[in-house]
Amino acid sequence: MSSDFLATMAASSRARVVAARQACSEAELLRWATATPAPPQLLLSPQGFDVIAEVKLRSPAVGVLKEGDEDITARVTQYANAGAAAVSVLTEPDRFEGSLDHLEQAARALAGAGTGVATCRVVPAMRKDFLVDPYQVIEARLAGAGGILVIVRMLTRAELDALVAAALQLKMFVLVEAFDERDIEAAARLPAPAQGASPGMLIGVNSRDLVTLKVVPGRLEALVKQLPAGVPRVAESGVGSPQDAARLAACGYDLALIGSALMTCDEPGKLLASMISAGRGARAR
């Protein structure tokens, strides 16, 4: 995921917005979105560690994780019932084989809609994509998402401000993703919403190198102290075991975003529950 890759993905994302606007104006999309029921809020555990569990069918770093016939409803139900605080859903179609349909399926299940599967804990879905335009935030809200991810590195300051403002206006949480100290400084300058029962903003550190795609050992630990106080801190990439979760919780992370490890595991609910337990145990010590 080099900077060139991010630029390519941003251009592709802008092209998707242009095509979508031809089918539906932003004003009309906003009317539809605000007429739908409010999504579940993000609620963090007082035990001090949570997980955002991810649905993605493919990763440029790993390759195919699951085939296109994956039962998304059943998977997110497992995640929620294992204790996930939220579920991230990849919607980028070209490199991750995601779609807004996947987000809508996940959001319906997570909101407790009738799905024909076991009862699901009510938690929010989060749209993960290469977002560049507030139109895409409204798309996410219409699909039922309660949050979005934005990548500092690939956005101008004006784009970043506009995405965050759109999300907060729609009462959605924002996970702001950083790769280094410069990104963290830019994220820290965003207007943090008042912290209540549901945080409006999270700041995450992605430990993956932008050129080699490999996880950089020690990056998460090195940058955690640079993250602003009072905003939940999220460890992203390279969290594959309960031991990883415990280590990162102990060094100061409040959440972990976990994707590939859960997508490639035969019992994702069991692994997720063990990661959450290990992280909270480390915080309790």
C-alpha atoms as a PDB file:
ATOM      1  CA  MET A   1       0.000   0.000   0.000  1.00  0.00           C
ATOM      2  CA  SER A   2       2.438   2.656  -1.181  1.00  0.00           C
ATOM      3  CA  SER A   3       1.644   6.361  -1.414  1.00  0.00           C
ATOM      4  CA  ASP A   4       1.150   5.763  -5.158  1.00  0.00           C
ATOM      5  CA  PHE A   5      -1.367   3.078  -4.255  1.00  0.00           C
ATOM      6  CA  LEU A   6      -3.223   5.500  -1.988  1.00  0.00           C
ATOM      7  CA  ALA A   7      -3.279   8.100  -4.768  1.00  0.00           C
ATOM      8  CA  THR A   8      -4.640   5.517  -7.198  1.00  0.00           C
ATOM      9  CA  MET A   9      -7.304   4.436  -4.737  1.00  0.00           C
ATOM     10  CA  ALA A  10      -8.269   8.053  -4.063  1.00  0.00           C
ATOM     11  CA  ALA A  11      -8.701   8.667  -7.786  1.00  0.00           C
ATOM     12  CA  SER A  12     -10.820   5.533  -8.118  1.00  0.00           C
ATOM     13  CA  SER A  13     -12.900   6.634  -5.144  1.00  0.00           C
ATOM     14  CA  ARG A  14     -13.530  10.051  -6.710  1.00  0.00           C
ATOM     15  CA  ALA A  15     -14.639   8.363  -9.931  1.00  0.00           C
ATOM     16  CA  ARG A  16     -17.145   6.284  -7.945  1.00  0.00           C
ATOM     17  CA  VAL A  17     -18.549   9.468  -6.411  1.00  0.00           C
ATOM     18  CA  VAL A  18     -18.944  11.080  -9.837  1.00  0.00           C
ATOM     19  CA  ALA A  19     -20.862   8.038 -11.102  1.00  0.00           C
ATOM     20  CA  ALA A  20     -23.040   7.871  -7.988  1.00  0.00           C
ATOM     21  CA  ARG A  21     -23.927  11.564  -8.202  1.00  0.00           C
ATOM     22  CA  GLN A  22     -25.183  11.049 -11.737  1.00  0.00           C
ATOM     23  CA  ALA A  23     -27.727   8.580 -10.365  1.00  0.00           C
ATOM     24  CA  CYS A  24     -28.679  10.520  -7.211  1.00  0.00           C
ATOM     25  CA  SER A  25     -27.950  14.049  -6.062  1.00  0.00           C
ATOM     26  CA  GLU A  26     -26.315  14.635  -2.690  1.00  0.00           C
ATOM     27  CA  ALA A  27     -29.375  16.520  -1.437  1.00  0.00           C
ATOM     28  CA  GLU A  28     -31.679  13.635  -2.330  1.00  0.00           C
ATOM     29  CA  LEU A  29     -29.314  11.074  -0.834  1.00  0.00           C
ATOM     30  CA  LEU A  30     -29.175  13.083   2.382  1.00  0.00           C
ATOM     31  CA  ARG A  31     -32.978  13.210   2.592  1.00  0.00           C
ATOM     32  CA  TRP A  32     -33.160   9.436   2.281  1.00  0.00           C
ATOM     33  CA  ALA A  33     -30.358   8.879   4.791  1.00  0.00           C
ATOM     34  CA  THR A  34     -31.793  11.135   7.475  1.00  0.00           C
ATOM     35  CA  ALA A  35     -35.217   9.526   7.073  1.00  0.00           C
ATOM     36  CA  THR A  36     -33.851   6.121   8.115  1.00  0.00           C
ATOM     37  CA  PRO A  37     -33.642   4.940  11.737  1.00  0.00           C
ATOM     38  CA  ALA A  38     -30.537   6.034  13.620  1.00  0.00           C
ATOM     39  CA  PRO A  39     -27.855   3.328  13.701  1.00  0.00           C
ATOM     40  CA  PRO A  40     -26.610   1.840  17.001  1.00  0.00           C
ATOM     41  CA  GLN A  41     -24.070   3.956  18.862  1.00  0.00           C
ATOM     42  CA  LEU A  42     -20.496   2.916  19.538  1.00  0.00           C
ATOM     43  CA  LEU A  43     -20.248   2.065  23.235  1.00  0.00           C
ATOM     44  CA  LEU A  44     -16.889   1.180  24.748  1.00  0.00           C
ATOM     45  CA  SER A  45     -16.428  -1.161  27.687  1.00  0.00           C
ATOM     46  CA  PRO A  46     -15.487   0.242  31.100  1.00  0.00           C
ATOM     47  CA  GLN A  47     -13.039  -2.673  31.270  1.00  0.00           C
ATOM     48  CA  GLY A  48     -10.736  -0.665  29.047  1.00  0.00           C
ATOM     49  CA  PHE A  49     -10.269  -2.691  25.860  1.00  0.00           C
ATOM     50  CA  ASP A  50     -12.494  -3.331  22.835  1.00  0.00           C
ATOM     51  CA  VAL A  51     -12.235  -4.746  19.330  1.00  0.00           C
ATOM     52  CA  ILE A  52     -13.583  -3.517  16.014  1.00  0.00           C
ATOM     53  CA  ALA A  53     -13.889  -6.761  14.052  1.00  0.00           C
ATOM     54  CA  GLU A  54     -13.576  -6.545  10.285  1.00  0.00           C
ATOM     55  CA  VAL A  55     -15.258  -8.088   7.256  1.00  0.00           C
ATOM     56  CA  LYS A  56     -13.088  -8.072   4.137  1.00  0.00           C
ATOM     57  CA  LEU A  57     -13.001 -10.630   1.357  1.00  0.00           C
ATOM     58  CA  ARG A  58      -9.589  -9.673   0.016  1.00  0.00           C
ATOM     59  CA  SER A  59      -6.489  -7.787   1.136  1.00  0.00           C
ATOM     60  CA  PRO A  60      -3.699  -6.508  -1.144  1.00  0.00           C
ATOM     61  CA  ALA A  61      -1.240  -7.601   1.549  1.00  0.00           C
ATOM     62  CA  VAL A  62      -2.587 -11.157   1.923  1.00  0.00           C
ATOM     63  CA  GLY A  63      -4.720 -11.924  -1.130  1.00  0.00           C
ATOM     64  CA  VAL A  64      -8.093 -13.642  -1.101  1.00  0.00           C
ATOM     65  CA  LEU A  65      -9.409 -14.130   2.431  1.00  0.00           C
ATOM     66  CA  LYS A  66     -12.904 -15.414   1.665  1.00  0.00           C
ATOM     67  CA  GLU A  67     -14.837 -16.170  -1.491  1.00  0.00           C
ATOM     68  CA  GLY A  68     -17.631 -13.930  -2.743  1.00  0.00           C
ATOM     69  CA  ASP A  69     -20.335 -16.234  -1.375  1.00  0.00           C
ATOM     70  CA  GLU A  70     -19.287 -15.531   2.230  1.00  0.00           C
ATOM     71  CA  ASP A  71     -22.305 -15.315   4.560  1.00  0.00           C
ATOM     72  CA  ILE A  72     -21.777 -11.786   5.865  1.00  0.00           C
ATOM     73  CA  THR A  73     -24.852 -11.830   8.093  1.00  0.00           C
ATOM     74  CA  ALA A  74     -23.697 -14.976   9.890  1.00  0.00           C
ATOM     75  CA  ARG A  75     -20.136 -13.652  10.256  1.00  0.00           C
ATOM     76  CA  VAL A  76     -21.065 -10.292  11.747  1.00  0.00           C
ATOM     77  CA  THR A  77     -23.504 -12.027  14.080  1.00  0.00           C
ATOM     78  CA  GLN A  78     -20.603 -14.138  15.364  1.00  0.00           C
ATOM     79  CA  TYR A  79     -18.484 -11.024  15.802  1.00  0.00           C
ATOM     80  CA  ALA A  80     -21.170  -9.147  17.715  1.00  0.00           C
ATOM     81  CA  ASN A  81     -22.071 -12.054  19.962  1.00  0.00           C
ATOM     82  CA  ALA A  82     -18.378 -12.603  20.749  1.00  0.00           C
ATOM     83  CA  GLY A  83     -18.211  -9.051  22.115  1.00  0.00           C
ATOM     84  CA  ALA A  84     -17.111  -6.789  19.235  1.00  0.00           C
ATOM     85  CA  ALA A  85     -17.781  -3.111  19.931  1.00  0.00           C
ATOM     86  CA  ALA A  86     -18.298  -2.473  16.203  1.00  0.00           C
ATOM     87  CA  VAL A  87     -17.855  -4.221  12.867  1.00  0.00           C
ATOM     88  CA  SER A  88     -15.775  -2.692  10.086  1.00  0.00           C
ATOM     89  CA  VAL A  89     -16.919  -3.545   6.553  1.00  0.00           C
ATOM     90  CA  LEU A  90     -14.727  -3.003   3.484  1.00  0.00           C
ATOM     91  CA  THR A  91     -16.732  -1.422   0.678  1.00  0.00           C
ATOM     92  CA  GLU A  92     -13.934  -0.809  -1.865  1.00  0.00           C
ATOM     93  CA  PRO A  93     -14.812  -2.943  -4.928  1.00  0.00           C
ATOM     94  CA  ASP A  94     -11.623  -3.282  -6.975  1.00  0.00           C
ATOM     95  CA  ARG A  95      -8.805  -4.283  -4.637  1.00  0.00           C
ATOM     96  CA  PHE A  96     -10.841  -5.511  -1.651  1.00  0.00           C
ATOM     97  CA  GLU A  97     -13.908  -6.975  -3.426  1.00  0.00           C
ATOM     98  CA  GLY A  98     -16.195  -5.050  -1.110  1.00  0.00           C
ATOM     99  CA  SER A  99     -19.475  -3.257  -1.714  1.00  0.00           C
ATOM    100  CA  LEU A 100     -22.107  -1.086  -0.092  1.00  0.00           C
ATOM    101  CA  ASP A 101     -24.374  -4.160  -0.253  1.00  0.00           C
ATOM    102  CA  HIS A 102     -21.990  -5.891   2.193  1.00  0.00           C
ATOM    103  CA  LEU A 103     -22.237  -2.876   4.511  1.00  0.00           C
ATOM    104  CA  GLU A 104     -26.021  -2.870   4.330  1.00  0.00           C
ATOM    105  CA  GLN A 105     -26.207  -6.616   5.069  1.00  0.00           C
ATOM    106  CA  ALA A 106     -23.913  -6.187   8.064  1.00  0.00           C
ATOM    107  CA  ALA A 107     -25.723  -3.136   9.389  1.00  0.00           C
ATOM    108  CA  ARG A 108     -29.115  -4.831   9.170  1.00  0.00           C
ATOM    109  CA  ALA A 109     -27.882  -7.819  11.142  1.00  0.00           C
ATOM    110  CA  LEU A 110     -26.064  -5.695  13.712  1.00  0.00           C
ATOM    111  CA  ALA A 111     -29.077  -3.463  14.265  1.00  0.00           C
ATOM    112  CA  GLY A 112     -31.149  -6.501  15.210  1.00  0.00           C
ATOM    113  CA  ALA A 113     -33.195  -6.719  12.011  1.00  0.00           C
ATOM    114  CA  GLY A 114     -34.867 -10.046  11.343  1.00  0.00           C
ATOM    115  CA  THR A 115     -32.338 -12.190   9.500  1.00  0.00           C
ATOM    116  CA  GLY A 116     -33.246 -15.782  10.221  1.00  0.00           C
ATOM    117  CA  VAL A 117     -30.056 -16.318  12.251  1.00  0.00           C
ATOM    118  CA  ALA A 118     -29.312 -16.324  15.955  1.00  0.00           C
ATOM    119  CA  THR A 119     -30.033 -13.128  17.880  1.00  0.00           C
ATOM    120  CA  CYS A 120     -27.280 -10.580  17.382  1.00  0.00           C
ATOM    121  CA  ARG A 121     -25.957  -8.042  19.878  1.00  0.00           C
ATOM    122  CA  VAL A 122     -26.786  -4.540  18.680  1.00  0.00           C
ATOM    123  CA  VAL A 123     -23.560  -2.774  17.686  1.00  0.00           C
ATOM    124  CA  PRO A 124     -22.690  -0.320  14.895  1.00  0.00           C
ATOM    125  CA  ALA A 125     -21.204  -1.073  11.504  1.00  0.00           C
ATOM    126  CA  MET A 126     -18.355   1.094  10.210  1.00  0.00           C
ATOM    127  CA  ARG A 127     -17.658   1.809   6.547  1.00  0.00           C
ATOM    128  CA  LYS A 128     -14.006   1.235   5.687  1.00  0.00           C
ATOM    129  CA  ASP A 129     -12.975   2.547   2.290  1.00  0.00           C
ATOM    130  CA  PHE A 130     -10.798   5.178   0.653  1.00  0.00           C
ATOM    131  CA  LEU A 131     -13.263   7.962   1.383  1.00  0.00           C
ATOM    132  CA  VAL A 132     -12.683  11.344  -0.237  1.00  0.00           C
ATOM    133  CA  ASP A 133     -16.085  13.056  -0.338  1.00  0.00           C
ATOM    134  CA  PRO A 134     -18.936  13.711   2.122  1.00  0.00           C
ATOM    135  CA  TYR A 135     -21.252  12.050  -0.388  1.00  0.00           C
ATOM    136  CA  GLN A 136     -19.684   8.739   0.645  1.00  0.00           C
ATOM    137  CA  VAL A 137     -20.386   9.443   4.303  1.00  0.00           C
ATOM    138  CA  ILE A 138     -24.054   9.904   3.448  1.00  0.00           C
ATOM    139  CA  GLU A 139     -23.959   6.649   1.444  1.00  0.00           C
ATOM    140  CA  ALA A 140     -22.632   4.899   4.531  1.00  0.00           C
ATOM    141  CA  ARG A 141     -25.341   6.370   6.734  1.00  0.00           C
ATOM    142  CA  LEU A 142     -28.046   5.339   4.250  1.00  0.00           C
ATOM    143  CA  ALA A 143     -26.636   1.800   4.268  1.00  0.00           C
ATOM    144  CA  GLY A 144     -27.039   1.760   8.050  1.00  0.00           C
ATOM    145  CA  ALA A 145     -23.485   2.444   9.200  1.00  0.00           C
ATOM    146  CA  GLY A 146     -22.839   4.191  12.485  1.00  0.00           C
ATOM    147  CA  GLY A 147     -19.245   5.125  11.680  1.00  0.00           C
ATOM    148  CA  ILE A 148     -16.596   5.637   9.005  1.00  0.00           C
ATOM    149  CA  LEU A 149     -12.819   5.351   8.668  1.00  0.00           C
ATOM    150  CA  VAL A 150     -10.789   8.160   7.107  1.00  0.00           C
ATOM    151  CA  ILE A 151      -7.119   7.975   6.107  1.00  0.00           C
ATOM    152  CA  VAL A 152      -5.160  11.129   6.952  1.00  0.00           C
ATOM    153  CA  ARG A 153      -2.310  10.355   4.552  1.00  0.00           C
ATOM    154  CA  MET A 154      -4.422  10.422   1.371  1.00  0.00           C
ATOM    155  CA  LEU A 155      -6.546  13.531   2.103  1.00  0.00           C
ATOM    156  CA  THR A 156      -6.052  17.269   1.888  1.00  0.00           C
ATOM    157  CA  ARG A 157      -6.851  19.194   5.034  1.00  0.00           C
ATOM    158  CA  ALA A 158     -10.077  20.467   3.470  1.00  0.00           C
ATOM    159  CA  GLU A 159     -11.153  16.942   2.499  1.00  0.00           C
ATOM    160  CA  LEU A 160     -10.382  15.603   5.959  1.00  0.00           C
ATOM    161  CA  ASP A 161     -12.328  18.394   7.638  1.00  0.00           C
ATOM    162  CA  ALA A 162     -15.297  17.903   5.309  1.00  0.00           C
ATOM    163  CA  LEU A 163     -15.491  14.140   5.907  1.00  0.00           C
ATOM    164  CA  VAL A 164     -15.292  14.491   9.684  1.00  0.00           C
ATOM    165  CA  ALA A 165     -17.868  17.305   9.715  1.00  0.00           C
ATOM    166  CA  ALA A 166     -20.287  15.253   7.597  1.00  0.00           C
ATOM    167  CA  ALA A 167     -19.961  12.248   9.869  1.00  0.00           C
ATOM    168  CA  LEU A 168     -20.453  14.196  13.070  1.00  0.00           C
ATOM    169  CA  GLN A 169     -23.451  16.002  11.581  1.00  0.00           C
ATOM    170  CA  LEU A 170     -24.998  12.593  10.888  1.00  0.00           C
ATOM    171  CA  LYS A 171     -24.084  11.481  14.439  1.00  0.00           C
ATOM    172  CA  MET A 172     -21.607   8.877  13.176  1.00  0.00           C
ATOM    173  CA  PHE A 173     -18.266   8.124  14.806  1.00  0.00           C
ATOM    174  CA  VAL A 174     -15.011   8.593  12.905  1.00  0.00           C
ATOM    175  CA  LEU A 175     -11.898   6.439  13.100  1.00  0.00           C
ATOM    176  CA  VAL A 176      -9.025   8.638  11.894  1.00  0.00           C
ATOM    177  CA  GLU A 177      -6.174   6.473  10.610  1.00  0.00           C
ATOM    178  CA  ALA A 178      -2.539   7.564  10.956  1.00  0.00           C
ATOM    179  CA  PHE A 179       0.750   5.972   9.913  1.00  0.00           C
ATOM    180  CA  ASP A 180       3.308   8.245  11.556  1.00  0.00           C
ATOM    181  CA  GLU A 181       3.803  11.246  13.830  1.00  0.00           C
ATOM    182  CA  ARG A 182       2.937  13.721  11.065  1.00  0.00           C
ATOM    183  CA  ASP A 183      -0.394  12.002  10.486  1.00  0.00           C
ATOM    184  CA  ILE A 184      -1.068  11.972  14.229  1.00  0.00           C
ATOM    185  CA  GLU A 185      -0.378  15.711  14.439  1.00  0.00           C
ATOM    186  CA  ALA A 186      -2.892  16.343  11.644  1.00  0.00           C
ATOM    187  CA  ALA A 187      -5.467  14.122  13.341  1.00  0.00           C
ATOM    188  CA  ALA A 188      -4.939  15.854  16.669  1.00  0.00           C
ATOM    189  CA  ARG A 189      -5.828  19.209  15.105  1.00  0.00           C
ATOM    190  CA  LEU A 190      -9.311  17.972  14.209  1.00  0.00           C
ATOM    191  CA  PRO A 191     -12.098  19.373  16.402  1.00  0.00           C
ATOM    192  CA  ALA A 192     -12.739  16.540  18.849  1.00  0.00           C
ATOM    193  CA  PRO A 193     -16.430  16.242  19.733  1.00  0.00           C
ATOM    194  CA  ALA A 194     -17.499  16.223  23.349  1.00  0.00           C
ATOM    195  CA  GLN A 195     -16.901  12.814  24.878  1.00  0.00           C
ATOM    196  CA  GLY A 196     -20.081  11.191  26.172  1.00  0.00           C
ATOM    197  CA  ALA A 197     -21.290   7.635  26.404  1.00  0.00           C
ATOM    198  CA  SER A 198     -20.515   7.241  22.691  1.00  0.00           C
ATOM    199  CA  PRO A 199     -17.188   8.660  21.440  1.00  0.00           C
ATOM    200  CA  GLY A 200     -17.469  10.687  18.242  1.00  0.00           C
ATOM    201  CA  MET A 201     -13.846  10.216  17.261  1.00  0.00           C
ATOM    202  CA  LEU A 202     -11.167   7.554  17.534  1.00  0.00           C
ATOM    203  CA  ILE A 203      -7.552   7.830  16.363  1.00  0.00           C
ATOM    204  CA  GLY A 204      -5.781   4.746  15.091  1.00  0.00           C
ATOM    205  CA  VAL A 205      -2.222   3.825  14.164  1.00  0.00           C
ATOM    206  CA  ASN A 206      -1.777   1.467  11.221  1.00  0.00           C
ATOM    207  CA  SER A 207       1.375  -0.593  11.695  1.00  0.00           C
ATOM    208  CA  ARG A 208       1.661  -1.686   8.067  1.00  0.00           C
ATOM    209  CA  ASP A 209       4.501  -0.271   5.950  1.00  0.00           C
ATOM    210  CA  LEU A 210       3.129   1.680   2.988  1.00  0.00           C
ATOM    211  CA  VAL A 211       5.656   0.237   0.520  1.00  0.00           C
ATOM    212  CA  THR A 212       6.389  -3.359   1.563  1.00  0.00           C
ATOM    213  CA  LEU A 213       2.906  -4.074   3.024  1.00  0.00           C
ATOM    214  CA  LYS A 214       4.623  -5.772   5.946  1.00  0.00           C
ATOM    215  CA  VAL A 215       3.801  -5.010   9.565  1.00  0.00           C
ATOM    216  CA  VAL A 216       6.503  -2.845  11.137  1.00  0.00           C
ATOM    217  CA  PRO A 217       7.517  -4.344  14.512  1.00  0.00           C
ATOM    218  CA  GLY A 218       7.330  -1.831  17.332  1.00  0.00           C
ATOM    219  CA  ARG A 219       5.503   0.923  15.435  1.00  0.00           C
ATOM    220  CA  LEU A 220       2.340   0.643  17.498  1.00  0.00           C
ATOM    221  CA  GLU A 221       4.255   0.790  20.769  1.00  0.00           C
ATOM    222  CA  ALA A 222       6.454   3.656  19.551  1.00  0.00           C
ATOM    223  CA  LEU A 223       3.553   5.888  18.511  1.00  0.00           C
ATOM    224  CA  VAL A 224       0.968   5.231  21.222  1.00  0.00           C
ATOM    225  CA  LYS A 225       2.334   7.977  23.461  1.00  0.00           C
ATOM    226  CA  GLN A 226       2.097  10.461  20.583  1.00  0.00           C
ATOM    227  CA  LEU A 227      -1.680  10.022  20.345  1.00  0.00           C
ATOM    228  CA  PRO A 228      -3.735  12.834  21.898  1.00  0.00           C
ATOM    229  CA  ALA A 229      -5.122  12.368  25.373  1.00  0.00           C
ATOM    230  CA  GLY A 230      -8.835  11.936  25.804  1.00  0.00           C
ATOM    231  CA  VAL A 231      -9.463  10.264  22.419  1.00  0.00           C
ATOM    232  CA  PRO A 232      -9.753   6.449  22.249  1.00  0.00           C
ATOM    233  CA  ARG A 233      -6.622   4.906  20.692  1.00  0.00           C
ATOM    234  CA  VAL A 234      -6.887   2.105  18.131  1.00  0.00           C
ATOM    235  CA  ALA A 235      -4.176  -0.375  17.119  1.00  0.00           C
ATOM    236  CA  GLU A 236      -4.525  -1.383  13.462  1.00  0.00           C
ATOM    237  CA  SER A 237      -2.888  -4.236  11.502  1.00  0.00           C
ATOM    238  CA  GLY A 238      -0.733  -7.032  12.840  1.00  0.00           C
ATOM    239  CA  VAL A 239      -3.026  -8.014  15.714  1.00  0.00           C
ATOM    240  CA  GLY A 240      -3.362 -11.747  15.252  1.00  0.00           C
ATOM    241  CA  SER A 241      -3.508 -13.403  18.663  1.00  0.00           C
ATOM    242  CA  PRO A 242      -4.675 -12.924  22.253  1.00  0.00           C
ATOM    243  CA  GLN A 243      -1.045 -12.261  23.152  1.00  0.00           C
ATOM    244  CA  ASP A 244      -0.931  -9.374  20.660  1.00  0.00           C
ATOM    245  CA  ALA A 245      -4.141  -7.956  22.113  1.00  0.00           C
ATOM    246  CA  ALA A 246      -2.785  -8.157  25.665  1.00  0.00           C
ATOM    247  CA  ARG A 247       0.502  -6.509  24.678  1.00  0.00           C
ATOM    248  CA  LEU A 248      -1.193  -3.591  22.939  1.00  0.00           C
ATOM    249  CA  ALA A 249      -3.764  -3.091  25.680  1.00  0.00           C
ATOM    250  CA  ALA A 250      -0.962  -3.007  28.238  1.00  0.00           C
ATOM    251  CA  CYS A 251       0.939  -0.319  26.332  1.00  0.00           C
ATOM    252  CA  GLY A 252      -2.092   1.969  26.141  1.00  0.00           C
ATOM    253  CA  TYR A 253      -4.404   1.105  23.258  1.00  0.00           C
ATOM    254  CA  ASP A 254      -8.115   1.183  23.998  1.00  0.00           C
ATOM    255  CA  LEU A 255      -9.189  -0.810  20.947  1.00  0.00           C
ATOM    256  CA  ALA A 256      -7.805  -2.962  18.161  1.00  0.00           C
ATOM    257  CA  LEU A 257      -9.090  -3.190  14.588  1.00  0.00           C
ATOM    258  CA  ILE A 258      -8.731  -6.842  13.586  1.00  0.00           C
ATOM    259  CA  GLY A 259      -9.410  -8.175  10.106  1.00  0.00           C
ATOM    260  CA  SER A 260      -7.234 -10.801   8.447  1.00  0.00           C
ATOM    261  CA  ALA A 261      -6.760 -12.943  11.564  1.00  0.00           C
ATOM    262  CA  LEU A 262     -10.528 -13.248  11.999  1.00  0.00           C
ATOM    263  CA  MET A 263     -11.253 -13.741   8.292  1.00  0.00           C
ATOM    264  CA  THR A 264      -8.799 -16.642   8.023  1.00  0.00           C
ATOM    265  CA  CYS A 265      -9.770 -18.341  11.295  1.00  0.00           C
ATOM    266  CA  ASP A 266     -12.087 -21.366  11.393  1.00  0.00           C
ATOM    267  CA  GLU A 267     -13.707 -20.119  14.614  1.00  0.00           C
ATOM    268  CA  PRO A 268     -13.644 -16.321  14.428  1.00  0.00           C
ATOM    269  CA  GLY A 269     -16.056 -15.831  17.311  1.00  0.00           C
ATOM    270  CA  LYS A 270     -13.898 -17.903  19.639  1.00  0.00           C
ATOM    271  CA  LEU A 271     -10.698 -16.111  18.601  1.00  0.00           C
ATOM    272  CA  LEU A 272     -12.328 -12.698  18.951  1.00  0.00           C
ATOM    273  CA  ALA A 273     -13.668 -13.457  22.423  1.00  0.00           C
ATOM    274  CA  SER A 274     -10.223 -14.638  23.534  1.00  0.00           C
ATOM    275  CA  MET A 275      -8.578 -11.466  22.187  1.00  0.00           C
ATOM    276  CA  ILE A 276     -11.053  -9.236  24.013  1.00  0.00           C
ATOM    277  CA  SER A 277     -10.579 -11.208  27.230  1.00  0.00           C
ATOM    278  CA  ALA A 278      -6.779 -11.047  26.955  1.00  0.00           C
ATOM    279  CA  GLY A 279      -6.805  -7.302  26.314  1.00  0.00           C
ATOM    280  CA  ARG A 280      -9.077  -6.599  29.262  1.00  0.00           C
ATOM    281  CA  GLY A 281      -7.045  -8.888  31.473  1.00  0.00           C
ATOM    282  CA  ALA A 282      -3.892  -6.955  30.617  1.00  0.00           C
ATOM    283  CA  ARG A 283      -5.610  -3.685  31.485  1.00  0.00           C
ATOM    284  CA  ALA A 284      -6.732  -5.103  34.835  1.00  0.00           C
ATOM    285  CA  ARG A 285      -3.208  -5.995  35.889  1.00  0.00           C
END
